[in-house]
């Protein structure tokens, strides 16, 4: 006859809980450390080589936008068969005549196929730049020389 030893039922003790908690937090810390190292290696945080100069340029851009907002001017742009037509109005809705406008027409997603624009005033407050872009979406950036005015619009040619 064989006698089998009676087995004690498994019980969770304080040591089991301690080891489980240590193992859990060890895995969490290890995974977080791995993510930190991979994130730092892929992007160390430096966005610009010249952050101070970029900050000064940003401050000038903010001042320019405030000066432009004080003018109260508005601009509309539309594609035409022969180019781009821009109309500029003052705060009262009257045309702003006598500006020397230049601009740039480019695709939204690429720098290929940029067109430099020189506008000619065809009527008071209405300016035209001859260009024949391909069909699709284009961004037009217009700025005046001598005045603090810039405008950007998305245009679509058929």
N, C-alpha and C. Protein backbone atom coordinates (compact mmCIF):
# COMPACT_ATOMS: atom_id res chain seq x y z
N UNK A 1 0.81 -1.15 0.00
CA UNK A 1 0.00 0.00 0.00
C UNK A 1 0.88 1.25 0.00
N UNK A 2 0.52 2.19 -0.85
CA UNK A 2 1.29 3.43 -0.96
C UNK A 2 0.56 4.55 -0.23
N UNK A 3 1.33 5.29 0.45
CA UNK A 3 0.76 6.43 1.19
C UNK A 3 1.15 7.70 0.46
N UNK A 4 0.15 8.46 0.10
CA UNK A 4 0.42 9.73 -0.57
C UNK A 4 0.42 10.84 0.47
N UNK A 5 1.39 11.67 0.34
CA UNK A 5 1.47 12.79 1.27
C UNK A 5 0.38 13.79 0.94
N UNK A 6 -0.23 14.32 1.90
CA UNK A 6 -1.28 15.32 1.67
C UNK A 6 -0.65 16.64 1.25
N UNK A 7 -1.17 17.16 0.14
CA UNK A 7 -0.64 18.43 -0.37
C UNK A 7 -1.43 19.57 0.23
N UNK A 8 -0.68 20.57 0.63
CA UNK A 8 -1.34 21.75 1.15
C UNK A 8 -1.92 22.56 -0.01
N UNK A 9 -3.09 23.12 0.13
CA UNK A 9 -3.63 23.97 -0.95
C UNK A 9 -2.81 25.24 -1.08
N UNK A 10 -2.74 25.76 -2.30
CA UNK A 10 -1.95 26.98 -2.58
C UNK A 10 -2.62 28.17 -1.92
N UNK A 11 -1.81 28.94 -1.25
CA UNK A 11 -2.30 30.15 -0.61
C UNK A 11 -1.42 31.32 -1.03
N UNK A 12 -2.06 32.46 -1.28
CA UNK A 12 -1.31 33.68 -1.62
C UNK A 12 -0.85 34.30 -0.31
N UNK A 13 0.46 34.46 -0.25
CA UNK A 13 1.03 35.04 0.96
C UNK A 13 1.55 36.44 0.66
N UNK A 14 2.04 37.07 1.65
CA UNK A 14 2.61 38.41 1.48
C UNK A 14 3.79 38.43 0.53
N UNK A 15 4.58 37.34 0.54
CA UNK A 15 5.72 37.27 -0.37
C UNK A 15 5.25 37.21 -1.82
N UNK A 16 4.20 36.48 -2.09
CA UNK A 16 3.68 36.40 -3.46
C UNK A 16 3.22 37.79 -3.94
N UNK A 17 2.54 38.51 -3.09
CA UNK A 17 2.05 39.85 -3.44
C UNK A 17 3.23 40.78 -3.68
N UNK A 18 4.21 40.74 -2.81
CA UNK A 18 5.39 41.60 -2.95
C UNK A 18 6.11 41.33 -4.27
N UNK A 19 6.35 40.07 -4.58
CA UNK A 19 7.05 39.71 -5.82
C UNK A 19 6.22 40.13 -7.04
N UNK A 20 4.90 39.96 -6.97
CA UNK A 20 4.04 40.36 -8.09
C UNK A 20 4.08 41.86 -8.31
N UNK A 21 4.01 42.65 -7.26
CA UNK A 21 4.06 44.11 -7.39
C UNK A 21 5.41 44.55 -7.94
N UNK A 22 6.48 44.01 -7.43
CA UNK A 22 7.83 44.36 -7.92
C UNK A 22 7.98 43.98 -9.38
N UNK A 23 7.50 42.80 -9.76
CA UNK A 23 7.59 42.38 -11.17
C UNK A 23 6.77 43.30 -12.07
N UNK A 24 5.55 43.65 -11.64
CA UNK A 24 4.68 44.52 -12.44
C UNK A 24 5.36 45.87 -12.68
N UNK A 25 5.80 46.52 -11.60
CA UNK A 25 6.42 47.83 -11.76
C UNK A 25 7.77 47.74 -12.46
N UNK A 26 8.46 46.63 -12.33
CA UNK A 26 9.71 46.45 -13.07
C UNK A 26 9.47 46.42 -14.57
N UNK A 27 8.42 45.72 -14.98
CA UNK A 27 8.08 45.67 -16.42
C UNK A 27 7.66 47.05 -16.90
N UNK A 28 6.84 47.77 -16.14
CA UNK A 28 6.39 49.12 -16.53
C UNK A 28 7.58 50.06 -16.66
N UNK A 29 8.48 50.05 -15.70
CA UNK A 29 9.65 50.93 -15.75
C UNK A 29 10.55 50.56 -16.92
N UNK A 30 10.73 49.29 -17.18
CA UNK A 30 11.58 48.86 -18.29
C UNK A 30 10.99 49.32 -19.63
N UNK A 31 9.69 49.16 -19.83
CA UNK A 31 9.06 49.57 -21.09
C UNK A 31 9.10 51.08 -21.23
N UNK A 32 8.82 51.83 -20.16
CA UNK A 32 8.89 53.29 -20.22
C UNK A 32 10.31 53.76 -20.54
N UNK A 33 11.30 53.12 -19.95
CA UNK A 33 12.69 53.48 -20.23
C UNK A 33 13.04 53.22 -21.68
N UNK A 34 12.57 52.10 -22.22
CA UNK A 34 12.81 51.80 -23.63
C UNK A 34 12.17 52.87 -24.52
N UNK A 35 10.92 53.26 -24.23
CA UNK A 35 10.25 54.29 -25.02
C UNK A 35 10.97 55.63 -24.93
N UNK A 36 11.47 55.98 -23.74
CA UNK A 36 12.21 57.23 -23.59
C UNK A 36 13.48 57.23 -24.43
N UNK A 37 14.22 56.16 -24.38
CA UNK A 37 15.46 56.07 -25.15
C UNK A 37 15.17 56.14 -26.65
N UNK A 38 14.17 55.40 -27.11
CA UNK A 38 13.84 55.42 -28.54
C UNK A 38 13.34 56.80 -28.98
N UNK A 39 12.55 57.46 -28.14
CA UNK A 39 12.04 58.79 -28.48
C UNK A 39 13.18 59.80 -28.54
N UNK A 40 14.09 59.75 -27.60
CA UNK A 40 15.19 60.71 -27.58
C UNK A 40 16.14 60.48 -28.76
N UNK A 41 16.36 59.24 -29.13
CA UNK A 41 17.24 58.97 -30.28
C UNK A 41 16.62 59.40 -31.60
N UNK A 42 15.29 59.31 -31.71
CA UNK A 42 14.65 59.67 -32.97
C UNK A 42 14.42 61.17 -33.08
N UNK A 43 14.22 61.89 -31.97
CA UNK A 43 14.03 63.34 -32.01
C UNK A 43 14.54 63.93 -30.70
N UNK A 44 15.75 64.48 -30.70
CA UNK A 44 16.33 64.96 -29.45
C UNK A 44 15.71 66.24 -28.91
N UNK A 45 14.78 66.86 -29.66
CA UNK A 45 14.10 68.04 -29.16
C UNK A 45 14.54 69.33 -29.80
N UNK A 46 15.65 69.34 -30.50
CA UNK A 46 16.13 70.55 -31.15
C UNK A 46 15.34 70.76 -32.43
N UNK A 47 14.55 71.82 -32.48
CA UNK A 47 13.72 72.10 -33.63
C UNK A 47 14.45 73.01 -34.62
N UNK A 48 15.25 73.92 -34.11
CA UNK A 48 15.93 74.89 -34.96
C UNK A 48 17.38 75.01 -34.54
N UNK A 49 18.22 75.30 -35.50
CA UNK A 49 19.64 75.52 -35.20
C UNK A 49 19.83 76.94 -34.67
N UNK A 50 18.91 77.85 -35.04
CA UNK A 50 19.01 79.25 -34.63
C UNK A 50 17.74 79.67 -33.89
N UNK A 51 17.50 79.17 -32.68
CA UNK A 51 16.24 79.47 -32.00
C UNK A 51 16.09 80.94 -31.63
N UNK A 52 17.16 81.61 -31.26
CA UNK A 52 17.05 83.02 -30.88
C UNK A 52 16.64 83.88 -32.07
N UNK A 53 17.29 83.66 -33.21
CA UNK A 53 16.95 84.42 -34.41
C UNK A 53 15.52 84.11 -34.87
N UNK A 54 15.11 82.85 -34.73
CA UNK A 54 13.74 82.48 -35.09
C UNK A 54 12.73 83.19 -34.19
N UNK A 55 13.06 83.34 -32.93
CA UNK A 55 12.20 84.06 -32.00
C UNK A 55 12.07 85.52 -32.37
N UNK A 56 13.19 86.14 -32.77
CA UNK A 56 13.14 87.53 -33.20
C UNK A 56 12.30 87.69 -34.46
N UNK A 57 12.46 86.76 -35.40
CA UNK A 57 11.66 86.81 -36.63
C UNK A 57 10.18 86.63 -36.31
N UNK A 58 9.86 85.77 -35.35
CA UNK A 58 8.47 85.58 -34.95
C UNK A 58 7.91 86.87 -34.35
N UNK A 59 8.69 87.53 -33.51
CA UNK A 59 8.23 88.79 -32.93
C UNK A 59 7.98 89.84 -34.00
N UNK A 60 8.84 89.89 -35.02
CA UNK A 60 8.62 90.84 -36.13
C UNK A 60 7.35 90.47 -36.89
N UNK A 61 7.10 89.18 -37.08
CA UNK A 61 5.89 88.74 -37.80
C UNK A 61 4.64 89.11 -37.00
N UNK A 62 4.69 88.96 -35.68
CA UNK A 62 3.54 89.32 -34.85
C UNK A 62 3.29 90.83 -34.94
N UNK A 63 4.36 91.63 -34.89
CA UNK A 63 4.21 93.08 -35.00
C UNK A 63 3.65 93.46 -36.37
N UNK A 64 4.09 92.77 -37.42
CA UNK A 64 3.57 93.04 -38.76
C UNK A 64 2.09 92.71 -38.85
N UNK A 65 1.68 91.61 -38.26
CA UNK A 65 0.25 91.23 -38.28
C UNK A 65 -0.60 92.22 -37.51
N UNK A 66 -0.07 92.73 -36.40
CA UNK A 66 -0.81 93.74 -35.64
C UNK A 66 -0.97 95.02 -36.45
N UNK A 67 0.11 95.44 -37.11
CA UNK A 67 0.04 96.65 -37.94
C UNK A 67 -0.95 96.45 -39.08
N UNK A 68 -0.96 95.27 -39.68
CA UNK A 68 -1.89 94.98 -40.77
C UNK A 68 -3.32 94.96 -40.25
N UNK A 69 -3.55 94.39 -39.09
CA UNK A 69 -4.89 94.37 -38.51
C UNK A 69 -5.38 95.79 -38.21
N UNK A 70 -4.45 96.68 -37.80
CA UNK A 70 -4.84 98.06 -37.51
C UNK A 70 -5.30 98.78 -38.78
N UNK A 71 -4.76 98.40 -39.94
CA UNK A 71 -5.21 98.99 -41.20
C UNK A 71 -6.66 98.63 -41.50
N UNK A 72 -7.04 97.41 -41.17
CA UNK A 72 -8.39 96.95 -41.43
C UNK A 72 -8.64 96.56 -42.87
N UNK A 73 -7.59 96.35 -43.62
CA UNK A 73 -7.74 95.98 -45.03
C UNK A 73 -8.16 94.52 -45.15
N UNK A 74 -8.82 94.21 -46.26
CA UNK A 74 -9.17 92.82 -46.56
C UNK A 74 -8.83 92.55 -48.02
N UNK A 75 -8.58 91.31 -48.32
CA UNK A 75 -8.20 90.92 -49.68
C UNK A 75 -9.01 89.72 -50.12
N UNK A 76 -9.35 89.72 -51.39
CA UNK A 76 -9.96 88.55 -52.00
C UNK A 76 -9.11 88.18 -53.20
N UNK A 77 -9.04 86.93 -53.50
CA UNK A 77 -8.27 86.46 -54.65
C UNK A 77 -9.12 85.46 -55.41
N UNK A 78 -8.96 85.48 -56.72
CA UNK A 78 -9.73 84.57 -57.55
C UNK A 78 -8.90 84.17 -58.77
N UNK A 79 -9.04 82.92 -59.20
CA UNK A 79 -8.36 82.52 -60.43
C UNK A 79 -9.11 83.07 -61.64
N UNK A 80 -8.36 83.45 -62.65
CA UNK A 80 -8.95 83.91 -63.90
C UNK A 80 -8.28 83.13 -65.03
N UNK A 81 -8.87 83.19 -66.22
CA UNK A 81 -8.27 82.46 -67.34
C UNK A 81 -6.86 82.95 -67.64
N UNK A 82 -6.64 84.24 -67.42
CA UNK A 82 -5.34 84.81 -67.77
C UNK A 82 -4.43 84.98 -66.56
N UNK A 83 -4.85 84.56 -65.37
CA UNK A 83 -3.98 84.70 -64.22
C UNK A 83 -4.71 84.75 -62.91
N UNK A 84 -4.19 85.56 -61.99
CA UNK A 84 -4.74 85.72 -60.66
C UNK A 84 -5.24 87.15 -60.51
N UNK A 85 -6.44 87.30 -59.95
CA UNK A 85 -7.00 88.62 -59.69
C UNK A 85 -7.15 88.78 -58.18
N UNK A 86 -6.59 89.88 -57.66
CA UNK A 86 -6.67 90.19 -56.24
C UNK A 86 -7.35 91.53 -56.09
N UNK A 87 -8.32 91.60 -55.19
CA UNK A 87 -8.99 92.86 -54.87
C UNK A 87 -8.73 93.18 -53.41
N UNK A 88 -8.30 94.43 -53.15
CA UNK A 88 -7.99 94.85 -51.79
C UNK A 88 -8.90 96.02 -51.43
N UNK A 89 -9.54 95.89 -50.26
CA UNK A 89 -10.45 96.93 -49.79
C UNK A 89 -9.99 97.41 -48.42
N UNK A 90 -10.29 98.69 -48.13
CA UNK A 90 -9.94 99.24 -46.83
C UNK A 90 -11.02 98.89 -45.80
N UNK A 91 -10.88 99.43 -44.60
CA UNK A 91 -11.81 99.10 -43.52
C UNK A 91 -13.24 99.48 -43.85
N UNK A 92 -13.43 100.52 -44.65
CA UNK A 92 -14.77 100.95 -45.03
C UNK A 92 -15.32 100.25 -46.25
N UNK A 93 -14.56 99.35 -46.84
CA UNK A 93 -15.00 98.63 -48.03
C UNK A 93 -14.60 99.28 -49.33
N UNK A 94 -13.92 100.43 -49.26
CA UNK A 94 -13.46 101.12 -50.48
C UNK A 94 -12.19 100.49 -51.01
N UNK A 95 -11.94 100.64 -52.32
CA UNK A 95 -10.74 100.04 -52.90
C UNK A 95 -9.47 100.72 -52.43
N UNK A 96 -8.41 99.92 -52.29
CA UNK A 96 -7.09 100.44 -51.94
C UNK A 96 -6.27 100.47 -53.22
N UNK A 97 -6.05 101.66 -53.74
CA UNK A 97 -5.37 101.82 -55.03
C UNK A 97 -3.91 102.19 -54.82
N UNK A 98 -3.14 102.00 -55.87
CA UNK A 98 -1.75 102.44 -55.90
C UNK A 98 -0.74 101.54 -55.22
N UNK A 99 -1.09 100.32 -54.93
CA UNK A 99 -0.14 99.40 -54.30
C UNK A 99 0.74 98.73 -55.34
N UNK A 100 1.94 98.39 -54.93
CA UNK A 100 2.83 97.57 -55.76
C UNK A 100 2.84 96.18 -55.11
N UNK A 101 2.13 95.26 -55.76
CA UNK A 101 1.99 93.91 -55.21
C UNK A 101 2.90 92.93 -55.93
N UNK A 102 3.48 92.04 -55.15
CA UNK A 102 4.20 90.90 -55.69
C UNK A 102 3.65 89.67 -55.00
N UNK A 103 3.97 88.53 -55.55
CA UNK A 103 3.45 87.33 -54.92
C UNK A 103 4.12 86.07 -55.41
N UNK A 104 3.62 84.98 -54.91
CA UNK A 104 4.15 83.67 -55.25
C UNK A 104 2.96 82.72 -55.33
N UNK A 105 2.92 81.95 -56.40
CA UNK A 105 1.89 80.94 -56.59
C UNK A 105 2.57 79.59 -56.55
N UNK A 106 2.13 78.73 -55.63
CA UNK A 106 2.77 77.42 -55.52
C UNK A 106 1.77 76.37 -55.09
N UNK A 107 2.13 75.12 -55.33
CA UNK A 107 1.31 73.99 -54.93
C UNK A 107 1.32 73.88 -53.41
N UNK A 108 0.22 73.41 -52.82
CA UNK A 108 0.18 73.30 -51.36
C UNK A 108 1.16 72.28 -50.79
N UNK A 109 1.45 71.21 -51.52
CA UNK A 109 2.24 70.13 -50.94
C UNK A 109 3.66 70.03 -51.48
N UNK A 110 4.04 70.85 -52.43
CA UNK A 110 5.37 70.73 -53.01
C UNK A 110 5.86 72.09 -53.47
N UNK A 111 7.17 72.21 -53.62
CA UNK A 111 7.74 73.46 -54.13
C UNK A 111 7.94 73.41 -55.63
N UNK A 112 7.60 72.31 -56.27
CA UNK A 112 7.76 72.19 -57.71
C UNK A 112 6.71 73.05 -58.41
N UNK A 113 7.12 73.78 -59.41
CA UNK A 113 6.19 74.56 -60.19
C UNK A 113 5.78 75.88 -59.56
N UNK A 114 6.68 76.54 -58.85
CA UNK A 114 6.36 77.85 -58.28
C UNK A 114 6.37 78.91 -59.36
N UNK A 115 5.48 79.88 -59.21
CA UNK A 115 5.41 81.01 -60.12
C UNK A 115 5.57 82.30 -59.32
N UNK A 116 6.51 83.14 -59.73
CA UNK A 116 6.63 84.48 -59.14
C UNK A 116 5.61 85.38 -59.83
N UNK A 117 4.88 86.16 -59.03
CA UNK A 117 3.81 86.99 -59.57
C UNK A 117 4.15 88.47 -59.40
N UNK A 118 3.88 89.24 -60.44
CA UNK A 118 3.97 90.69 -60.38
C UNK A 118 2.61 91.22 -60.81
N UNK A 119 1.95 91.93 -59.92
CA UNK A 119 0.59 92.39 -60.16
C UNK A 119 0.59 93.78 -60.79
N UNK A 120 -0.39 93.99 -61.65
CA UNK A 120 -0.63 95.29 -62.29
C UNK A 120 -2.04 95.71 -61.89
N UNK A 121 -2.18 96.99 -61.52
CA UNK A 121 -3.50 97.48 -61.13
C UNK A 121 -4.34 97.69 -62.38
N UNK A 122 -5.44 96.98 -62.49
CA UNK A 122 -6.32 97.10 -63.66
C UNK A 122 -7.51 98.01 -63.39
N UNK A 123 -7.85 98.21 -62.14
CA UNK A 123 -8.91 99.13 -61.70
C UNK A 123 -8.56 99.50 -60.27
N UNK A 124 -9.14 100.57 -59.73
CA UNK A 124 -8.80 100.93 -58.35
C UNK A 124 -9.06 99.77 -57.38
N UNK A 125 -7.99 99.34 -56.70
CA UNK A 125 -8.09 98.25 -55.74
C UNK A 125 -8.14 96.86 -56.34
N UNK A 126 -8.03 96.74 -57.66
CA UNK A 126 -8.09 95.44 -58.34
C UNK A 126 -6.77 95.22 -59.08
N UNK A 127 -6.13 94.10 -58.78
CA UNK A 127 -4.79 93.81 -59.30
C UNK A 127 -4.80 92.47 -60.02
N UNK A 128 -4.02 92.41 -61.11
CA UNK A 128 -3.99 91.21 -61.95
C UNK A 128 -2.54 90.80 -62.18
N UNK A 129 -2.27 89.51 -62.08
CA UNK A 129 -0.95 88.95 -62.39
C UNK A 129 -1.14 87.86 -63.42
N UNK A 130 -0.49 87.98 -64.58
CA UNK A 130 -0.65 86.94 -65.60
C UNK A 130 0.12 85.67 -65.23
N UNK A 131 -0.57 84.55 -65.31
CA UNK A 131 0.05 83.25 -65.05
C UNK A 131 -0.89 82.18 -65.58
N UNK A 132 -0.33 81.07 -66.03
CA UNK A 132 -1.14 79.96 -66.51
C UNK A 132 -0.70 78.68 -65.80
N UNK A 133 -1.21 78.47 -64.60
CA UNK A 133 -0.83 77.25 -63.88
C UNK A 133 -1.62 76.05 -64.37
N UNK A 134 -1.13 74.90 -64.01
CA UNK A 134 -1.84 73.66 -64.34
C UNK A 134 -3.10 73.55 -63.47
N UNK A 135 -3.99 72.69 -63.86
CA UNK A 135 -5.23 72.51 -63.10
C UNK A 135 -4.93 71.98 -61.71
N UNK A 136 -5.78 72.35 -60.76
CA UNK A 136 -5.65 71.86 -59.41
C UNK A 136 -5.57 72.97 -58.39
N UNK A 137 -5.19 72.61 -57.18
CA UNK A 137 -5.12 73.56 -56.07
C UNK A 137 -3.78 74.26 -56.04
N UNK A 138 -3.82 75.56 -55.78
CA UNK A 138 -2.63 76.40 -55.68
C UNK A 138 -2.81 77.35 -54.51
N UNK A 139 -1.72 77.69 -53.86
CA UNK A 139 -1.73 78.71 -52.81
C UNK A 139 -1.09 79.97 -53.37
N UNK A 140 -1.78 81.10 -53.20
CA UNK A 140 -1.22 82.38 -53.64
C UNK A 140 -0.86 83.18 -52.40
N UNK A 141 0.37 83.70 -52.38
CA UNK A 141 0.88 84.54 -51.30
C UNK A 141 1.14 85.91 -51.91
N UNK A 142 0.46 86.93 -51.40
CA UNK A 142 0.56 88.28 -51.95
C UNK A 142 1.08 89.20 -50.86
N UNK A 143 1.99 90.11 -51.24
CA UNK A 143 2.47 91.11 -50.30
C UNK A 143 2.68 92.42 -51.03
N UNK A 144 2.48 93.50 -50.29
CA UNK A 144 2.67 94.82 -50.88
C UNK A 144 4.05 95.34 -50.52
N UNK A 145 4.60 96.11 -51.40
CA UNK A 145 5.90 96.72 -51.16
C UNK A 145 5.64 98.11 -50.58
N UNK A 146 6.29 98.39 -49.46
CA UNK A 146 6.13 99.69 -48.83
C UNK A 146 5.03 99.73 -47.79
N UNK A 147 4.03 98.89 -47.88
CA UNK A 147 2.96 98.82 -46.88
C UNK A 147 3.10 97.49 -46.14
N UNK A 148 2.49 97.42 -44.99
CA UNK A 148 2.55 96.17 -44.22
C UNK A 148 1.29 95.36 -44.51
N UNK A 149 1.25 94.75 -45.68
CA UNK A 149 0.08 93.95 -46.03
C UNK A 149 0.51 92.67 -46.70
N UNK A 150 -0.01 91.57 -46.18
CA UNK A 150 0.22 90.26 -46.77
C UNK A 150 -1.09 89.50 -46.73
N UNK A 151 -1.29 88.63 -47.73
CA UNK A 151 -2.49 87.80 -47.76
C UNK A 151 -2.13 86.46 -48.38
N UNK A 152 -2.81 85.42 -47.92
CA UNK A 152 -2.64 84.08 -48.47
C UNK A 152 -4.01 83.50 -48.73
N UNK A 153 -4.17 82.88 -49.88
CA UNK A 153 -5.44 82.26 -50.24
C UNK A 153 -5.16 80.97 -51.00
N UNK A 154 -6.10 80.04 -50.94
CA UNK A 154 -6.03 78.80 -51.72
C UNK A 154 -6.96 78.97 -52.91
N UNK A 155 -6.43 78.76 -54.08
CA UNK A 155 -7.19 78.89 -55.33
C UNK A 155 -7.19 77.55 -56.05
N UNK A 156 -8.23 77.32 -56.86
CA UNK A 156 -8.32 76.08 -57.62
C UNK A 156 -8.62 76.41 -59.08
N UNK A 157 -7.76 75.91 -59.95
CA UNK A 157 -7.98 76.06 -61.38
C UNK A 157 -8.60 74.78 -61.92
N UNK A 158 -9.55 74.92 -62.83
CA UNK A 158 -10.18 73.70 -63.41
C UNK A 158 -9.24 72.96 -64.33
